[in-house]
Amino acid sequence: MTAGEAFELHNAMRQYGIPGSVTPADPDDLEGKWLVVDADGQDITAHALTRATVARNRRPERGFVIAR
């Protein structure tokens, strides 16, 4: 994932409460590949991307129906 994609994923993770830290794979190359890691330092990028996609596509479960 690029730096721009990492920024967007980080915002989605914060918005939807998805745990993890977005970090560059190589701290010396901020334009290179980025990863999402958990508290133990394991790569959970695929899991975080899936959760963010599901959260973005979720419809509200409650709401109002207004008949005209």
C-alpha atoms as a PDB file:
ATOM      1  CA  MET A   1       0.000   0.000   0.000  1.00  0.00           C
ATOM      2  CA  THR A   2       1.317   3.453  -0.875  1.00  0.00           C
ATOM      3  CA  ALA A   3       1.639   6.389   1.506  1.00  0.00           C
ATOM      4  CA  GLY A   4      -1.579   7.944   0.144  1.00  0.00           C
ATOM      5  CA  GLU A   5      -3.510   4.698   0.586  1.00  0.00           C
ATOM      6  CA  ALA A   6      -2.066   4.353   4.081  1.00  0.00           C
ATOM      7  CA  PHE A   7      -3.341   7.840   4.968  1.00  0.00           C
ATOM      8  CA  GLU A   8      -6.855   6.974   3.760  1.00  0.00           C
ATOM      9  CA  LEU A   9      -6.832   3.627   5.581  1.00  0.00           C
ATOM     10  CA  HIS A  10      -5.629   5.293   8.783  1.00  0.00           C
ATOM     11  CA  ASN A  11      -8.550   7.747   8.625  1.00  0.00           C
ATOM     12  CA  ALA A  12     -11.019   4.879   8.080  1.00  0.00           C
ATOM     13  CA  MET A  13      -9.482   2.919  10.957  1.00  0.00           C
ATOM     14  CA  ARG A  14      -9.924   5.888  13.290  1.00  0.00           C
ATOM     15  CA  GLN A  15     -13.464   6.581  12.077  1.00  0.00           C
ATOM     16  CA  TYR A  16     -14.642   2.975  12.530  1.00  0.00           C
ATOM     17  CA  GLY A  17     -12.571   2.048  15.592  1.00  0.00           C
ATOM     18  CA  ILE A  18     -10.389  -0.525  13.839  1.00  0.00           C
ATOM     19  CA  PRO A  19      -7.313  -1.289  15.958  1.00  0.00           C
ATOM     20  CA  GLY A  20      -3.779  -1.222  14.551  1.00  0.00           C
ATOM     21  CA  SER A  21      -0.956   1.110  13.632  1.00  0.00           C
ATOM     22  CA  VAL A  22      -0.127   2.191  10.086  1.00  0.00           C
ATOM     23  CA  THR A  23       3.639   2.196   9.640  1.00  0.00           C
ATOM     24  CA  PRO A  24       6.108   2.150   6.742  1.00  0.00           C
ATOM     25  CA  ALA A  25       7.648  -1.263   6.031  1.00  0.00           C
ATOM     26  CA  ASP A  26      11.030   0.497   5.806  1.00  0.00           C
ATOM     27  CA  PRO A  27      11.251   3.512   8.151  1.00  0.00           C
ATOM     28  CA  ASP A  28      13.904   5.065   5.878  1.00  0.00           C
ATOM     29  CA  ASP A  29      11.629   4.925   2.794  1.00  0.00           C
ATOM     30  CA  LEU A  30       8.400   6.814   3.500  1.00  0.00           C
ATOM     31  CA  GLU A  31       7.407   6.610  -0.184  1.00  0.00           C
ATOM     32  CA  GLY A  32       7.642   2.808  -0.169  1.00  0.00           C
ATOM     33  CA  LYS A  33       5.310   0.098   1.082  1.00  0.00           C
ATOM     34  CA  TRP A  34       3.190   0.675   4.203  1.00  0.00           C
ATOM     35  CA  LEU A  35       1.754  -1.911   6.608  1.00  0.00           C
ATOM     36  CA  VAL A  36      -0.812  -2.141   9.388  1.00  0.00           C
ATOM     37  CA  VAL A  37       0.557  -3.860  12.489  1.00  0.00           C
ATOM     38  CA  ASP A  38      -1.125  -4.928  15.716  1.00  0.00           C
ATOM     39  CA  ALA A  39       0.125  -4.412  19.275  1.00  0.00           C
ATOM     40  CA  ASP A  40       2.405  -7.467  18.905  1.00  0.00           C
ATOM     41  CA  GLY A  41       3.984  -6.087  15.718  1.00  0.00           C
ATOM     42  CA  GLN A  42       2.331  -8.637  13.402  1.00  0.00           C
ATOM     43  CA  ASP A  43       1.236  -7.596   9.913  1.00  0.00           C
ATOM     44  CA  ILE A  44      -2.579  -7.297   9.819  1.00  0.00           C
ATOM     45  CA  THR A  45      -2.838  -5.163   6.665  1.00  0.00           C
ATOM     46  CA  ALA A  46      -5.241  -7.500   4.829  1.00  0.00           C
ATOM     47  CA  HIS A  47      -7.474  -7.787   7.896  1.00  0.00           C
ATOM     48  CA  ALA A  48      -7.593  -4.005   8.393  1.00  0.00           C
ATOM     49  CA  LEU A  49      -8.347  -3.375   4.703  1.00  0.00           C
ATOM     50  CA  THR A  50     -11.197  -5.897   4.815  1.00  0.00           C
ATOM     51  CA  ARG A  51     -12.692  -4.416   7.982  1.00  0.00           C
ATOM     52  CA  ALA A  52     -12.484  -0.877   6.579  1.00  0.00           C
ATOM     53  CA  THR A  53     -14.184  -1.940   3.337  1.00  0.00           C
ATOM     54  CA  VAL A  54     -16.979  -3.726   5.199  1.00  0.00           C
ATOM     55  CA  ALA A  55     -17.482  -0.741   7.529  1.00  0.00           C
ATOM     56  CA  ARG A  56     -17.660   1.718   4.619  1.00  0.00           C
ATOM     57  CA  ASN A  57     -20.271  -0.397   2.806  1.00  0.00           C
ATOM     58  CA  ARG A  58     -22.453  -1.031   5.849  1.00  0.00           C
ATOM     59  CA  ARG A  59     -25.953   0.423   5.733  1.00  0.00           C
ATOM     60  CA  PRO A  60     -27.586   1.960   8.794  1.00  0.00           C
ATOM     61  CA  GLU A  61     -29.517  -0.606  10.808  1.00  0.00           C
ATOM     62  CA  ARG A  62     -32.059   1.835  12.174  1.00  0.00           C
ATOM     63  CA  GLY A  63     -33.742   4.878  10.815  1.00  0.00           C
ATOM     64  CA  PHE A  64     -36.983   6.562   9.975  1.00  0.00           C
ATOM     65  CA  VAL A  65     -39.388   5.780   7.175  1.00  0.00           C
ATOM     66  CA  ILE A  66     -41.338   8.813   6.049  1.00  0.00           C
ATOM     67  CA  ALA A  67     -44.464   8.065   4.015  1.00  0.00           C
ATOM     68  CA  ARG A  68     -45.701  10.770   1.663  1.00  0.00           C
END
